[in-house]
PDB file of N, CA and C in Angstrom:
ATOM      1  N   GLY A   1       0.797  -1.176  -0.027  1.00  0.00           N
ATOM      2  CA  GLY A   1      -0.063  -0.004   0.042  1.00  0.00           C
ATOM      3  C   GLY A   1       0.883   1.257   0.052  1.00  0.00           C
ATOM      4  N   SER A   2       0.284   2.311   0.505  1.00  0.00           N
ATOM      5  CA  SER A   2       0.889   3.617   0.437  1.00  0.00           C
ATOM      6  C   SER A   2       2.095   3.590   1.436  1.00  0.00           C
ATOM      7  N   ALA A   3       2.043   2.898   2.501  1.00  0.00           N
ATOM      8  CA  ALA A   3       3.245   2.925   3.421  1.00  0.00           C
ATOM      9  C   ALA A   3       4.438   2.326   2.756  1.00  0.00           C
ATOM     10  N   GLY A   4       4.303   1.196   2.059  1.00  0.00           N
ATOM     11  CA  GLY A   4       5.401   0.584   1.490  1.00  0.00           C
ATOM     12  C   GLY A   4       6.003   1.398   0.322  1.00  0.00           C
ATOM     13  N   ARG A   5       5.234   2.147  -0.378  1.00  0.00           N
ATOM     14  CA  ARG A   5       5.687   3.071  -1.421  1.00  0.00           C
ATOM     15  C   ARG A   5       6.479   4.162  -0.855  1.00  0.00           C
ATOM     16  N   ASN A   6       5.998   4.678   0.300  1.00  0.00           N
ATOM     17  CA  ASN A   6       6.782   5.744   1.015  1.00  0.00           C
ATOM     18  C   ASN A   6       8.119   5.340   1.502  1.00  0.00           C
ATOM     19  N   TYR A   7       8.284   4.021   1.649  1.00  0.00           N
ATOM     20  CA  TYR A   7       9.608   3.479   2.154  1.00  0.00           C
ATOM     21  C   TYR A   7      10.526   3.422   0.975  1.00  0.00           C
ATOM     22  N   TRP A   8      10.165   2.840  -0.171  1.00  0.00           N
ATOM     23  CA  TRP A   8      11.164   2.653  -1.292  1.00  0.00           C
ATOM     24  C   TRP A   8      11.063   3.676  -2.402  1.00  0.00           C
ATOM     25  N   ASN A   9      10.090   4.569  -2.344  1.00  0.00           N
ATOM     26  CA  ASN A   9       9.996   5.622  -3.330  1.00  0.00           C
ATOM     27  C   ASN A   9       9.329   6.849  -2.732  1.00  0.00           C
ATOM     28  N   PRO A  10       9.956   7.542  -1.747  1.00  0.00           N
ATOM     29  CA  PRO A  10       9.331   8.602  -1.014  1.00  0.00           C
ATOM     30  C   PRO A  10       9.127   9.800  -1.877  1.00  0.00           C
ATOM     31  N   LEU A  11       8.130  10.727  -1.474  1.00  0.00           N
ATOM     32  CA  LEU A  11       7.910  11.926  -2.197  1.00  0.00           C
ATOM     33  C   LEU A  11       8.981  12.947  -1.750  1.00  0.00           C
ATOM     34  N   ILE A  12       9.456  13.770  -2.746  1.00  0.00           N
ATOM     35  CA  ILE A  12      10.512  14.658  -2.460  1.00  0.00           C
ATOM     36  C   ILE A  12      10.088  15.749  -1.545  1.00  0.00           C
ATOM     37  N   ASN A  13       8.851  16.044  -1.283  1.00  0.00           N
ATOM     38  CA  ASN A  13       8.460  17.186  -0.471  1.00  0.00           C
ATOM     39  C   ASN A  13       8.484  16.713   0.973  1.00  0.00           C
ATOM     40  N   GLY A  14       8.678  15.491   1.297  1.00  0.00           N
ATOM     41  CA  GLY A  14       8.824  15.003   2.687  1.00  0.00           C
ATOM     42  C   GLY A  14      10.204  14.519   3.033  1.00  0.00           C
ATOM     43  N   LEU A  15      11.137  14.693   1.984  1.00  0.00           N
ATOM     44  CA  LEU A  15      12.432  14.048   2.093  1.00  0.00           C
ATOM     45  C   LEU A  15      13.513  15.036   2.738  1.00  0.00           C
ATOM     46  N   PHE A  16      13.348  16.234   2.286  1.00  0.00           N
ATOM     47  CA  PHE A  16      14.408  17.259   2.640  1.00  0.00           C
ATOM     48  C   PHE A  16      14.066  18.130   3.869  1.00  0.00           C
ATOM     49  N   SER A  17      15.022  18.321   4.809  1.00  0.00           N
ATOM     50  CA  SER A  17      14.719  19.193   5.912  1.00  0.00           C
ATOM     51  C   SER A  17      15.979  19.914   6.357  1.00  0.00           C
ATOM     52  N   ILE A  18      15.790  21.157   6.755  1.00  0.00           N
ATOM     53  CA  ILE A  18      16.891  21.917   7.255  1.00  0.00           C
ATOM     54  C   ILE A  18      16.625  22.181   8.670  1.00  0.00           C
ATOM     55  N   GLY A  19      17.564  21.754   9.562  1.00  0.00           N
ATOM     56  CA  GLY A  19      17.443  22.016  11.016  1.00  0.00           C
ATOM     57  C   GLY A  19      16.162  21.506  11.605  1.00  0.00           C
ATOM     58  N   GLY A  20      15.671  20.420  11.092  1.00  0.00           N
ATOM     59  CA  GLY A  20      14.430  19.755  11.619  1.00  0.00           C
ATOM     60  C   GLY A  20      13.177  20.318  10.994  1.00  0.00           C
ATOM     61  N   GLN A  21      13.377  21.443  10.216  1.00  0.00           N
ATOM     62  CA  GLN A  21      12.142  21.968   9.586  1.00  0.00           C
ATOM     63  C   GLN A  21      12.058  21.377   8.140  1.00  0.00           C
ATOM     64  N   LYS A  22      10.958  20.801   7.781  1.00  0.00           N
ATOM     65  CA  LYS A  22      10.808  20.213   6.386  1.00  0.00           C
ATOM     66  C   LYS A  22      10.687  21.423   5.512  1.00  0.00           C
ATOM     67  N   LEU A  23      11.276  21.271   4.296  1.00  0.00           N
ATOM     68  CA  LEU A  23      11.219  22.294   3.339  1.00  0.00           C
ATOM     69  C   LEU A  23       9.695  22.376   2.779  1.00  0.00           C
ATOM     70  N   GLU A  24       9.155  23.474   2.750  1.00  0.00           N
ATOM     71  CA  GLU A  24       7.796  23.724   2.206  1.00  0.00           C
ATOM     72  C   GLU A  24       7.960  24.147   0.759  1.00  0.00           C
ATOM     73  N   GLY A  25       6.968  23.839  -0.056  1.00  0.00           N
ATOM     74  CA  GLY A  25       6.831  24.309  -1.418  1.00  0.00           C
ATOM     75  C   GLY A  25       7.429  23.393  -2.407  1.00  0.00           C
ATOM     76  N   LEU A  26       7.990  22.268  -1.977  1.00  0.00           N
ATOM     77  CA  LEU A  26       8.415  21.241  -2.947  1.00  0.00           C
ATOM     78  C   LEU A  26       7.297  20.464  -3.411  1.00  0.00           C
ATOM     79  N   PRO A  27       7.145  20.117  -4.779  1.00  0.00           N
ATOM     80  CA  PRO A  27       5.926  19.376  -5.232  1.00  0.00           C
ATOM     81  C   PRO A  27       6.020  17.992  -4.625  1.00  0.00           C
ATOM     82  N   ALA A  28       4.756  17.342  -4.762  1.00  0.00           N
ATOM     83  CA  ALA A  28       4.654  15.947  -4.148  1.00  0.00           C
ATOM     84  C   ALA A  28       4.979  15.070  -5.323  1.00  0.00           C
ATOM     85  N   TRP A  29       6.239  14.976  -5.686  1.00  0.00           N
ATOM     86  CA  TRP A  29       6.630  14.008  -6.833  1.00  0.00           C
ATOM     87  C   TRP A  29       7.435  12.911  -6.257  1.00  0.00           C
ATOM     88  N   PRO A  30       7.269  11.719  -6.737  1.00  0.00           N
ATOM     89  CA  PRO A  30       8.001  10.539  -6.273  1.00  0.00           C
ATOM     90  C   PRO A  30       9.522  10.789  -6.597  1.00  0.00           C
ATOM     91  N   LEU A  31      10.351  10.331  -5.651  1.00  0.00           N
ATOM     92  CA  LEU A  31      11.809  10.555  -5.768  1.00  0.00           C
ATOM     93  C   LEU A  31      12.466   9.957  -7.052  1.00  0.00           C
ATOM     94  N   PHE A  32      12.072   8.661  -7.356  1.00  0.00           N
ATOM     95  CA  PHE A  32      12.718   8.021  -8.550  1.00  0.00           C
ATOM     96  C   PHE A  32      12.317   8.771  -9.844  1.00  0.00           C
ATOM     97  N   GLU A  33      11.036   9.066 -10.069  1.00  0.00           N
ATOM     98  CA  GLU A  33      10.631   9.720 -11.231  1.00  0.00           C
ATOM     99  C   GLU A  33      11.140  11.101 -11.349  1.00  0.00           C
ATOM    100  N   THR A  34      11.312  11.747 -10.253  1.00  0.00           N
ATOM    101  CA  THR A  34      11.941  13.103 -10.281  1.00  0.00           C
ATOM    102  C   THR A  34      13.366  13.049 -10.713  1.00  0.00           C
ATOM    103  N   LEU A  35      14.186  12.046 -10.198  1.00  0.00           N
ATOM    104  CA  LEU A  35      15.506  11.953 -10.511  1.00  0.00           C
ATOM    105  C   LEU A  35      15.724  11.623 -11.984  1.00  0.00           C
ATOM    106  N   VAL A  36      14.846  10.686 -12.466  1.00  0.00           N
ATOM    107  CA  VAL A  36      14.876  10.288 -13.917  1.00  0.00           C
ATOM    108  C   VAL A  36      14.642  11.436 -14.816  1.00  0.00           C
ATOM    109  N   GLY A  37      13.585  12.345 -14.494  1.00  0.00           N
ATOM    110  CA  GLY A  37      13.283  13.428 -15.319  1.00  0.00           C
ATOM    111  C   GLY A  37      14.297  14.517 -15.156  1.00  0.00           C
ATOM    112  N   LEU A  38      14.946  14.611 -14.063  1.00  0.00           N
ATOM    113  CA  LEU A  38      16.034  15.592 -13.890  1.00  0.00           C
ATOM    114  C   LEU A  38      17.211  15.198 -14.743  1.00  0.00           C
ATOM    115  N   LEU A  39      17.542  13.911 -14.717  1.00  0.00           N
ATOM    116  CA  LEU A  39      18.750  13.492 -15.618  1.00  0.00           C
ATOM    117  C   LEU A  39      18.358  13.687 -17.051  1.00  0.00           C
ATOM    118  N   LEU A  40      17.146  13.410 -17.471  1.00  0.00           N
ATOM    119  CA  LEU A  40      16.695  13.562 -18.953  1.00  0.00           C
ATOM    120  C   LEU A  40      16.896  15.133 -19.326  1.00  0.00           C
ATOM    121  N   VAL A  41      16.375  16.001 -18.466  1.00  0.00           N
ATOM    122  CA  VAL A  41      16.531  17.427 -18.708  1.00  0.00           C
ATOM    123  C   VAL A  41      17.875  17.901 -18.737  1.00  0.00           C
ATOM    124  N   LEU A  42      18.716  17.568 -17.759  1.00  0.00           N
ATOM    125  CA  LEU A  42      20.131  17.922 -17.705  1.00  0.00           C
ATOM    126  C   LEU A  42      20.961  17.455 -18.836  1.00  0.00           C
ATOM    127  N   GLY A  43      20.652  16.187 -19.317  1.00  0.00           N
ATOM    128  CA  GLY A  43      21.325  15.539 -20.313  1.00  0.00           C
ATOM    129  C   GLY A  43      20.971  16.142 -21.602  1.00  0.00           C
ATOM    130  N   SER A  44      19.666  16.545 -21.811  1.00  0.00           N
ATOM    131  CA  SER A  44      19.277  17.289 -22.984  1.00  0.00           C
ATOM    132  C   SER A  44      19.998  18.630 -23.117  1.00  0.00           C
ATOM    133  N   ILE A  45      20.031  19.392 -21.995  1.00  0.00           N
ATOM    134  CA  ILE A  45      20.648  20.705 -22.044  1.00  0.00           C
ATOM    135  C   ILE A  45      22.206  20.503 -22.383  1.00  0.00           C
ATOM    136  N   TYR A  46      22.879  19.480 -21.682  1.00  0.00           N
ATOM    137  CA  TYR A  46      24.294  19.258 -21.982  1.00  0.00           C
ATOM    138  C   TYR A  46      24.445  18.933 -23.528  1.00  0.00           C
ATOM    139  N   TYR A  47      23.519  18.096 -24.029  1.00  0.00           N
ATOM    140  CA  TYR A  47      23.677  17.772 -25.493  1.00  0.00           C
ATOM    141  C   TYR A  47      23.657  18.941 -26.332  1.00  0.00           C
ATOM    142  N   LEU A  48      22.582  19.813 -26.054  1.00  0.00           N
ATOM    143  CA  LEU A  48      22.261  20.938 -26.907  1.00  0.00           C
ATOM    144  C   LEU A  48      23.445  21.935 -26.815  1.00  0.00           C
ATOM    145  N   ILE A  49      24.180  22.047 -25.672  1.00  0.00           N
ATOM    146  CA  ILE A  49      25.188  23.121 -25.403  1.00  0.00           C
ATOM    147  C   ILE A  49      26.508  22.503 -25.959  1.00  0.00           C
ATOM    148  N   ALA A  50      26.835  21.307 -25.533  1.00  0.00           N
ATOM    149  CA  ALA A  50      28.216  20.779 -25.718  1.00  0.00           C
ATOM    150  C   ALA A  50      28.511  19.886 -26.865  1.00  0.00           C
ATOM    151  N   VAL A  51      27.499  19.192 -27.210  1.00  0.00           N
ATOM    152  CA  VAL A  51      27.770  18.045 -28.212  1.00  0.00           C
ATOM    153  C   VAL A  51      27.269  18.479 -29.642  1.00  0.00           C
ATOM    154  N   ARG A  52      26.064  18.974 -29.730  1.00  0.00           N
ATOM    155  CA  ARG A  52      25.348  19.127 -31.031  1.00  0.00           C
ATOM    156  C   ARG A  52      26.207  20.108 -31.942  1.00  0.00           C
ATOM    157  N   GLY A  53      26.421  19.860 -33.057  1.00  0.00           N
ATOM    158  CA  GLY A  53      27.181  20.736 -33.976  1.00  0.00           C
ATOM    159  C   GLY A  53      28.637  20.747 -33.856  1.00  0.00           C
ATOM    160  N   ARG A  54      29.254  19.798 -33.121  1.00  0.00           N
ATOM    161  CA  ARG A  54      30.719  19.910 -32.907  1.00  0.00           C
ATOM    162  C   ARG A  54      31.469  19.507 -34.148  1.00  0.00           C
ATOM    163  N   ASP A  55      30.834  18.583 -34.958  1.00  0.00           N
ATOM    164  CA  ASP A  55      31.648  18.041 -36.098  1.00  0.00           C
ATOM    165  C   ASP A  55      31.443  18.826 -37.278  1.00  0.00           C
ATOM    166  N   VAL A  56      30.373  19.747 -37.272  1.00  0.00           N
ATOM    167  CA  VAL A  56      30.132  20.537 -38.482  1.00  0.00           C
ATOM    168  C   VAL A  56      30.728  21.997 -38.222  1.00  0.00           C
ATOM    169  N   GLU A  57      31.575  22.456 -39.141  1.00  0.00           N
ATOM    170  CA  GLU A  57      32.206  23.684 -39.043  1.00  0.00           C
ATOM    171  C   GLU A  57      31.230  24.659 -39.576  1.00  0.00           C
ATOM    172  N   ILE A  58      30.912  25.706 -38.851  1.00  0.00           N
ATOM    173  CA  ILE A  58      30.034  26.663 -39.191  1.00  0.00           C
ATOM    174  C   ILE A  58      30.846  28.118 -39.381  1.00  0.00           C
ATOM    175  N   GLU A  59      30.719  28.740 -40.533  1.00  0.00           N
ATOM    176  CA  GLU A  59      31.433  30.045 -40.718  1.00  0.00           C
ATOM    177  C   GLU A  59      30.368  31.072 -40.926  1.00  0.00           C
ATOM    178  N   ALA A  60      30.619  32.217 -40.202  1.00  0.00           N
ATOM    179  CA  ALA A  60      29.604  33.211 -40.321  1.00  0.00           C
ATOM    180  C   ALA A  60      29.959  34.121 -41.508  1.00  0.00           C
ATOM    181  N   ASP A  61      28.948  34.485 -42.258  1.00  0.00           N
ATOM    182  CA  ASP A  61      29.109  35.392 -43.364  1.00  0.00           C
ATOM    183  C   ASP A  61      29.420  36.807 -42.856  1.00  0.00           C
ATOM    184  N   ALA A  62      30.523  37.378 -43.297  1.00  0.00           N
ATOM    185  CA  ALA A  62      31.044  38.691 -42.829  1.00  0.00           C
ATOM    186  C   ALA A  62      29.993  39.790 -43.007  1.00  0.00           C
ATOM    187  N   VAL A  63      29.151  39.692 -44.076  1.00  0.00           N
ATOM    188  CA  VAL A  63      28.293  40.883 -44.321  1.00  0.00           C
ATOM    189  C   VAL A  63      26.997  40.669 -43.560  1.00  0.00           C
ATOM    190  N   THR A  64      26.426  39.532 -43.610  1.00  0.00           N
ATOM    191  CA  THR A  64      25.032  39.382 -42.998  1.00  0.00           C
ATOM    192  C   THR A  64      25.125  38.848 -41.662  1.00  0.00           C
ATOM    193  N   GLY A  65      26.213  38.117 -41.279  1.00  0.00           N
ATOM    194  CA  GLY A  65      26.334  37.512 -39.896  1.00  0.00           C
ATOM    195  C   GLY A  65      25.636  36.272 -39.823  1.00  0.00           C
ATOM    196  N   GLU A  66      25.072  35.713 -40.907  1.00  0.00           N
ATOM    197  CA  GLU A  66      24.307  34.520 -40.899  1.00  0.00           C
ATOM    198  C   GLU A  66      25.327  33.364 -40.899  1.00  0.00           C
ATOM    199  N   GLY A  67      24.903  32.240 -40.376  1.00  0.00           N
ATOM    200  CA  GLY A  67      25.754  31.104 -40.339  1.00  0.00           C
ATOM    201  C   GLY A  67      25.703  30.396 -41.629  1.00  0.00           C
ATOM    202  N   VAL A  68      26.883  30.032 -42.222  1.00  0.00           N
ATOM    203  CA  VAL A  68      26.896  29.245 -43.448  1.00  0.00           C
ATOM    204  C   VAL A  68      27.504  27.877 -43.119  1.00  0.00           C
ATOM    205  N   ILE A  69      26.852  26.809 -43.373  1.00  0.00           N
ATOM    206  CA  ILE A  69      27.349  25.517 -43.094  1.00  0.00           C
ATOM    207  C   ILE A  69      28.201  25.047 -44.283  1.00  0.00           C
ATOM    208  N   GLY A  70      29.512  24.746 -43.984  1.00  0.00           N
ATOM    209  CA  GLY A  70      30.362  24.339 -45.121  1.00  0.00           C
ATOM    210  C   GLY A  70      30.911  23.063 -44.991  1.00  0.00           C
TER     211      GLY A  70
END
C-alpha cells in the first residue's frame, strides 16, 4: 500500500529538511521519477550546449552575420 511506497520511493516534499524543519513548497513528486526526469532534462541541455554541431564547421558570413554550413 501507500506505506510501502513511501519507504522505497518517497515523495521529495517530505524528504528534505533543514534544521528539523521540512522544506515547504516542494511538489509531491516521487523521488525516482523526479531523478529520472532531472537526468533527462540535464542531459538534453548538455547535449544541446556541448555536443550538437561539434563536427560541423560553421562559418559566419562577414556581411550578413548568418551562419553558413560548409
